[in-house]
Protein backbone atom coordinates (compact mmCIF):
# COMPACT_ATOMS: atom_id res chain seq x y z
CA UNK A 1 97.66 81.93 8.98
CA UNK A 2 98.82 81.29 5.41
CA UNK A 3 96.32 81.24 2.72
CA UNK A 4 98.39 78.91 0.55
CA UNK A 5 96.40 75.86 -0.54
CA UNK A 6 97.46 72.91 -2.55
CA UNK A 7 95.98 72.13 -6.23
CA UNK A 8 93.08 70.39 -5.80
CA UNK A 9 93.28 66.39 -5.42
CA UNK A 10 91.04 63.62 -4.80
CA UNK A 11 89.13 64.39 -1.42
CA UNK A 12 88.93 60.84 -0.52
CA UNK A 13 91.66 58.64 -1.05
CA UNK A 14 89.68 55.04 -0.56
CA UNK A 15 91.11 51.95 1.04
CA UNK A 16 89.12 48.85 2.20
CA UNK A 17 86.75 49.83 4.68
CA UNK A 18 85.21 47.13 6.98
CA UNK A 19 82.79 47.50 9.53
CA UNK A 20 83.23 46.07 12.81
CA UNK A 21 81.21 43.12 13.38
CA UNK A 22 79.31 44.01 16.49
CA UNK A 23 78.05 47.24 15.15
CA UNK A 24 80.47 49.70 16.11
CA UNK A 25 80.38 52.10 13.25
CA UNK A 26 83.66 54.00 13.61
CA UNK A 27 87.13 53.39 15.38
CA UNK A 28 86.27 56.76 16.37
CA UNK A 29 82.87 56.95 15.34
CA UNK A 30 79.44 57.58 16.99
CA UNK A 31 79.82 55.34 20.10
CA UNK A 32 83.85 56.20 20.02
CA UNK A 33 86.38 57.85 22.44
CA UNK A 34 85.82 61.38 20.73
CA UNK A 35 85.26 64.28 22.21
CA UNK A 36 83.17 66.63 20.09
CA UNK A 37 83.03 70.71 19.77
CA UNK A 38 81.31 73.29 21.88
CA UNK A 39 80.71 76.77 21.03
CA UNK A 40 81.76 79.29 23.94
CA UNK A 41 78.08 80.48 24.14
CA UNK A 42 76.91 76.92 24.60
CA UNK A 43 79.01 75.08 27.58
CA UNK A 44 77.72 71.94 29.16
CA UNK A 45 77.60 72.35 32.89
CA UNK A 46 76.55 70.67 35.96
CA UNK A 47 73.24 72.15 36.30
CA UNK A 48 72.47 71.36 32.36
CA UNK A 49 69.93 68.82 31.76
CA UNK A 50 71.52 65.81 30.04
CA UNK A 51 69.84 66.38 26.38
CA UNK A 52 71.91 70.07 26.42
CA UNK A 53 75.26 67.99 25.98
CA UNK A 54 74.54 67.16 22.24
CA UNK A 55 77.94 67.69 20.22
CA UNK A 56 77.92 70.98 18.66
CA UNK A 57 80.09 71.63 15.49
CA UNK A 58 83.44 73.56 14.83
CA UNK A 59 84.08 77.02 14.63
CA UNK A 60 87.02 78.29 12.73
CA UNK A 61 86.79 81.22 15.12
CA UNK A 62 88.11 79.01 17.83
CA UNK A 63 90.99 77.50 16.03
CA UNK A 64 94.16 78.50 17.33
CA UNK A 65 97.32 79.05 14.88
CA UNK A 66 100.82 78.31 15.59
CA UNK A 67 103.84 80.06 13.30
CA UNK A 68 105.85 77.13 12.83
CA UNK A 69 108.45 76.26 9.91
CA UNK A 70 107.30 72.99 9.87
CA UNK A 71 103.64 73.89 9.52
CA UNK A 72 103.12 73.96 5.72
CA UNK A 73 101.42 72.16 3.28
CA UNK A 74 104.58 70.09 2.35
CA UNK A 75 104.20 68.56 6.06
CA UNK A 76 101.75 65.41 6.44
CA UNK A 77 99.73 64.55 9.76
CA UNK A 78 97.71 61.33 10.38
CA UNK A 79 94.68 62.09 12.43
CA UNK A 80 93.10 58.77 13.56
CA UNK A 81 89.04 58.78 14.47
CA UNK A 82 88.82 61.87 11.80
CA UNK A 83 85.15 60.65 11.16
CA UNK A 84 84.10 62.60 14.15
CA UNK A 85 84.70 64.56 17.62
CA UNK A 86 87.96 65.11 18.62
CA UNK A 87 89.78 63.39 15.38
CA UNK A 88 87.41 65.66 13.22
CA UNK A 89 88.18 68.93 15.25
CA UNK A 90 91.90 68.25 15.17
CA UNK A 91 92.15 67.33 11.44
CA UNK A 92 90.35 70.76 10.71
CA UNK A 93 92.48 72.54 12.96
CA UNK A 94 96.03 71.19 11.72
CA UNK A 95 94.62 71.96 8.17
CA UNK A 96 93.54 75.29 9.34
CA UNK A 97 97.48 75.57 10.31
CA UNK A 98 98.48 74.97 6.79
CA UNK A 99 99.60 71.13 7.23
CA UNK A 100 98.43 68.42 4.76
CA UNK A 101 96.01 66.31 6.84
CA UNK A 102 95.37 62.70 6.23
CA UNK A 103 92.04 61.78 8.47
CA UNK A 104 91.63 58.24 8.90
CA UNK A 105 88.22 56.53 10.06
CA UNK A 106 86.24 53.16 9.37
CA UNK A 107 83.35 55.61 8.82
CA UNK A 108 83.39 56.61 5.33
CA UNK A 109 80.30 58.85 6.03
CA UNK A 110 81.77 60.62 9.13
CA UNK A 111 84.75 61.06 6.73
CA UNK A 112 82.49 62.82 4.25
CA UNK A 113 80.99 64.88 6.82
CA UNK A 114 84.55 65.95 8.21
CA UNK A 115 85.33 67.08 4.32
CA UNK A 116 82.28 68.92 4.45
CA UNK A 117 83.03 70.74 7.66
CA UNK A 118 86.58 71.54 6.47
CA UNK A 119 85.00 73.17 3.70
CA UNK A 120 83.07 75.37 5.83
CA UNK A 121 86.42 76.38 7.57
CA UNK A 122 88.06 77.02 4.08
CA UNK A 123 90.50 74.26 4.61
CA UNK A 124 89.03 71.00 2.45
CA UNK A 125 92.01 71.43 0.01
CA UNK A 126 94.52 70.90 2.85
CA UNK A 127 92.55 67.69 3.96
CA UNK A 128 92.44 63.98 2.58
CA UNK A 129 90.51 60.81 4.02
CA UNK A 130 91.62 57.41 4.07
CA UNK A 131 88.83 54.71 4.95
CA UNK A 132 90.93 52.18 7.04
CA UNK A 133 90.09 49.69 9.85
CA UNK A 134 92.28 50.05 12.63
CA UNK A 135 92.37 46.52 13.69
CA UNK A 136 93.79 45.64 10.52
CA UNK A 137 97.55 45.96 10.36
CA UNK A 138 97.42 45.89 6.59
CA UNK A 139 94.93 48.76 6.08
CA UNK A 140 96.77 50.97 8.87
CA UNK A 141 99.93 50.27 7.03
CA UNK A 142 98.34 51.17 3.22
CA UNK A 143 96.84 54.34 5.21
CA UNK A 144 100.45 55.52 6.60
CA UNK A 145 101.68 54.80 2.98
CA UNK A 146 99.06 56.85 1.35
CA UNK A 147 99.71 59.47 3.86
CA UNK A 148 103.64 59.81 3.18
CA UNK A 149 103.02 59.89 -0.73
CA UNK A 150 101.27 63.46 0.03
CA UNK A 151 104.53 64.82 1.42
CA UNK A 152 107.00 64.75 4.29
CA UNK A 153 105.01 62.54 7.11
CA UNK A 154 105.81 64.41 10.59
CA UNK A 155 102.86 64.02 12.65
CA UNK A 156 100.37 61.69 14.06
CA UNK A 157 97.63 62.14 16.33
CA UNK A 158 96.26 58.59 17.52
CA UNK A 159 92.37 59.90 18.80
CA UNK A 160 90.44 56.79 17.65
CA UNK A 161 88.80 54.77 20.31
CA UNK A 162 85.15 53.26 21.71
CA UNK A 163 83.76 52.86 24.78
CA UNK A 164 81.87 50.19 26.59
CA UNK A 165 80.43 49.96 30.12
CA UNK A 166 80.10 46.69 32.39
CA UNK A 167 81.33 45.58 35.55
CA UNK A 168 84.32 43.30 35.60
CA UNK A 169 82.67 40.06 36.05
CA UNK A 170 80.13 40.80 33.30
CA UNK A 171 82.42 42.66 30.75
CA UNK A 172 82.27 40.88 27.34
CA UNK A 173 85.80 39.44 26.26
CA UNK A 174 85.45 40.50 22.73
CA UNK A 175 84.67 44.16 23.91
CA UNK A 176 88.22 43.99 25.85
CA UNK A 177 89.86 42.79 22.68
CA UNK A 178 88.26 45.28 20.42
CA UNK A 179 88.94 48.45 22.78
CA UNK A 180 92.48 47.17 23.43
CA UNK A 181 92.95 46.68 19.52
CA UNK A 182 91.76 50.04 18.58
CA UNK A 183 92.81 52.29 21.65
CA UNK A 184 96.22 50.56 22.12
CA UNK A 185 97.61 48.06 19.76
CA UNK A 186 96.31 50.70 16.61
CA UNK A 187 98.43 53.64 18.17
CA UNK A 188 101.43 51.34 18.37
CA UNK A 189 100.98 50.30 14.83
CA UNK A 190 100.43 53.50 13.51
CA UNK A 191 103.73 54.75 15.24
CA UNK A 192 105.57 51.43 13.94
CA UNK A 193 104.69 52.24 10.37
CA UNK A 194 105.17 55.99 10.42
CA UNK A 195 108.33 56.34 12.68
CA UNK A 196 110.61 55.49 9.56
CA UNK A 197 108.86 58.05 7.08
CA UNK A 198 109.60 60.69 10.05
CA UNK A 199 113.27 59.66 10.16
CA UNK A 200 113.72 59.99 6.55
CA UNK A 201 112.35 63.72 6.36
CA UNK A 202 115.48 65.94 5.94
CA UNK A 203 115.77 67.04 9.65
CA UNK A 204 113.63 63.95 11.54
CA UNK A 205 111.54 66.28 13.08
CA UNK A 206 108.01 65.21 13.82
CA UNK A 207 105.93 64.21 16.77
CA UNK A 208 103.42 61.60 17.64
CA UNK A 209 100.30 62.96 19.98
CA UNK A 210 98.44 60.21 21.93
CA UNK A 211 94.87 61.06 22.98
CA UNK A 212 94.80 59.72 26.93
CA UNK A 213 91.85 60.43 29.57
CA UNK A 214 92.08 61.46 33.06
CA UNK A 215 91.31 57.53 33.07
CA UNK A 216 94.92 57.05 32.36
CA UNK A 217 95.60 58.43 35.39
CA UNK A 218 92.72 57.33 37.94
CA UNK A 219 90.10 54.72 37.95
CA UNK A 220 86.33 54.22 38.28
CA UNK A 221 83.78 51.54 37.92
CA UNK A 222 82.60 49.65 34.87
CA UNK A 223 85.26 51.00 32.58
CA UNK A 224 87.97 48.47 32.94
CA UNK A 225 88.96 48.03 29.32
CA UNK A 226 89.02 51.77 28.68
CA UNK A 227 91.03 52.58 31.60
CA UNK A 228 93.56 49.86 31.23
CA UNK A 229 93.86 50.87 27.32
CA UNK A 230 94.52 54.85 28.44
CA UNK A 231 97.01 53.59 31.14
CA UNK A 232 98.73 51.52 28.37
CA UNK A 233 98.79 54.39 25.82
CA UNK A 234 100.49 56.59 28.45
CA UNK A 235 103.38 54.06 28.73
CA UNK A 236 103.30 53.68 24.62
CA UNK A 237 103.79 57.65 24.65
CA UNK A 238 106.65 57.28 26.91
CA UNK A 239 108.53 54.58 25.11
CA UNK A 240 108.33 56.33 21.50
CA UNK A 241 109.93 59.45 23.45
CA UNK A 242 112.57 57.30 24.78
CA UNK A 243 113.49 55.83 21.22
CA UNK A 244 112.98 59.16 19.67
CA UNK A 245 116.42 60.53 19.91
CA UNK A 246 115.05 64.09 20.73
CA UNK A 247 113.85 65.08 17.14
CA UNK A 248 111.13 62.71 17.12
CA UNK A 249 108.81 63.37 20.15
CA UNK A 250 105.85 61.95 21.82
CA UNK A 251 103.31 63.32 24.44
CA UNK A 252 99.75 62.34 25.40
CA UNK A 253 96.66 64.48 25.97
CA UNK A 254 94.53 63.58 29.09
CA UNK A 255 91.19 65.38 29.49
CA UNK A 256 88.03 65.05 31.73
CA UNK A 257 84.90 64.76 30.03
CA UNK A 258 84.70 66.46 26.69
CA UNK A 259 81.53 67.01 24.49
CA UNK A 260 81.46 64.20 22.09
CA UNK A 261 79.11 61.33 20.83
CA UNK A 262 81.08 59.04 23.05
CA UNK A 263 80.61 61.07 26.12
CA UNK A 264 77.01 61.71 25.32
CA UNK A 265 76.20 58.26 24.17
CA UNK A 266 77.35 56.78 27.56
CA UNK A 267 75.09 58.92 29.98
CA UNK A 268 71.93 56.27 29.39
CA UNK A 269 74.04 53.33 29.77
CA UNK A 270 75.87 54.87 32.97
CA UNK A 271 72.54 55.85 34.66
CA UNK A 272 70.93 52.31 34.08
CA UNK A 273 74.11 50.25 35.51
CA UNK A 274 74.36 52.54 38.63
CA UNK A 275 70.81 53.16 39.21
CA UNK A 276 70.42 57.20 38.75
CA UNK A 277 68.92 59.35 36.56
CA UNK A 278 70.89 60.80 33.46
CA UNK A 279 71.22 64.19 35.24
CA UNK A 280 72.76 62.92 38.31
CA UNK A 281 75.30 60.98 35.74
CA UNK A 282 76.30 64.60 34.34
CA UNK A 283 76.13 66.31 37.72
CA UNK A 284 78.10 63.46 40.02
CA UNK A 285 79.79 61.30 37.83
CA UNK A 286 81.22 63.46 35.03
CA UNK A 287 81.88 66.97 36.67
CA UNK A 288 81.53 65.91 40.24
CA UNK A 289 85.05 65.87 41.05
CA UNK A 290 85.96 68.41 38.72
CA UNK A 291 86.51 72.10 39.99
CA UNK A 292 85.48 73.34 36.76
CA UNK A 293 81.80 72.50 36.28
CA UNK A 294 81.43 72.35 32.54
CA UNK A 295 82.73 70.07 29.81
CA UNK A 296 85.51 70.87 27.16
CA UNK A 297 85.12 71.67 23.94
CA UNK A 298 86.70 69.04 21.44
CA UNK A 299 88.58 72.23 19.43
CA UNK A 300 89.96 72.97 22.84
CA UNK A 301 91.83 69.57 22.61
CA UNK A 302 92.18 69.85 18.96
CA UNK A 303 94.15 73.10 19.81
CA UNK A 304 96.18 71.10 22.53
CA UNK A 305 97.49 68.69 19.65
CA UNK A 306 98.37 71.68 17.77
CA UNK A 307 100.40 73.17 20.15
CA UNK A 308 101.76 69.64 21.22
CA UNK A 309 103.06 68.93 17.45
CA UNK A 310 104.74 72.40 17.10
CA UNK A 311 107.97 73.60 17.92
CA UNK A 312 106.28 75.64 20.83
CA UNK A 313 105.95 72.11 22.44
CA UNK A 314 109.61 71.28 21.98
CA UNK A 315 110.35 70.54 25.33
CA UNK A 316 107.09 68.18 26.09
CA UNK A 317 108.54 64.51 25.44
CA UNK A 318 107.18 61.64 27.02
CA UNK A 319 105.09 63.85 29.16
CA UNK A 320 101.12 64.15 29.53
CA UNK A 321 99.22 67.49 28.71
CA UNK A 322 96.49 67.02 31.76
CA UNK A 323 93.68 69.29 31.02
CA UNK A 324 91.21 68.08 33.60
CA UNK A 325 89.42 71.01 35.23
CA UNK A 326 91.31 70.16 38.39
CA UNK A 327 89.74 66.51 38.63
CA UNK A 328 93.09 64.51 39.35
CA UNK A 329 95.04 67.16 41.35
CA UNK A 330 92.35 68.39 43.87
CA UNK A 331 89.86 66.72 45.85
């Protein structure tokens, strides 16, 4: 990996940040659709108590690097949900691959921590942060514009999201609306505003990666908003690919349960809703159908984004990287 670093710039480009009214701290925050890093020495397994699934921190030694002519400081990547979990891991991994990265989130404290973690991996100079609320198109447009001012905007990783668990007849309509705003409408809007900038680069080469899920392939109980949004996100991915003319690609990534705040925070709620213990949630609900009895590390997902954005993934267009431990394809 190149050791080149840009001249120091302000670590935070601050746009208006508004908290969600219902107390969700982040479009990719503590209750969000993120999935967080797990060192290889501490993998969450089915026989591990639920308190052993606390999200760990990123380690530069786990980040994969790719040799790509476009992976330079002149190329810019946007990562939504950059304040925690997979978003944080992906922002750091792309910065480690010499890209200029704009991490965005409504959680300014989370973004500040991402900058701190990036510093521990010696890539803080390649990382910018923009606080923005993904339910507001004006803020999305401003965030994309700020990213485009830093260089050639080529890449987008739509990762932000959140979770709510309830059966259909009890599911709050306002939660449905919020989840679809963050996990389906926002990726559309980020793509809408980013695509013109990608097309304006010298060769029009770029890629948009979307964080899907096994729940964009199969359904389970009590997650109707999450599941329907993820199915829709895979459709959005294919639409972007259909209009990308080959040089602008799009792909999605579908994982099983990854060790993140979103996953660990839903264990107690799932246990209460199903009337089972938290240990049974981990063993039976999360890992029961997976042939690989451990949760992924968020840095593993970040590495998939790196591969998908790079020219190594140039034939990945409209498709899905399904990294699920055999959950979907076996029984």
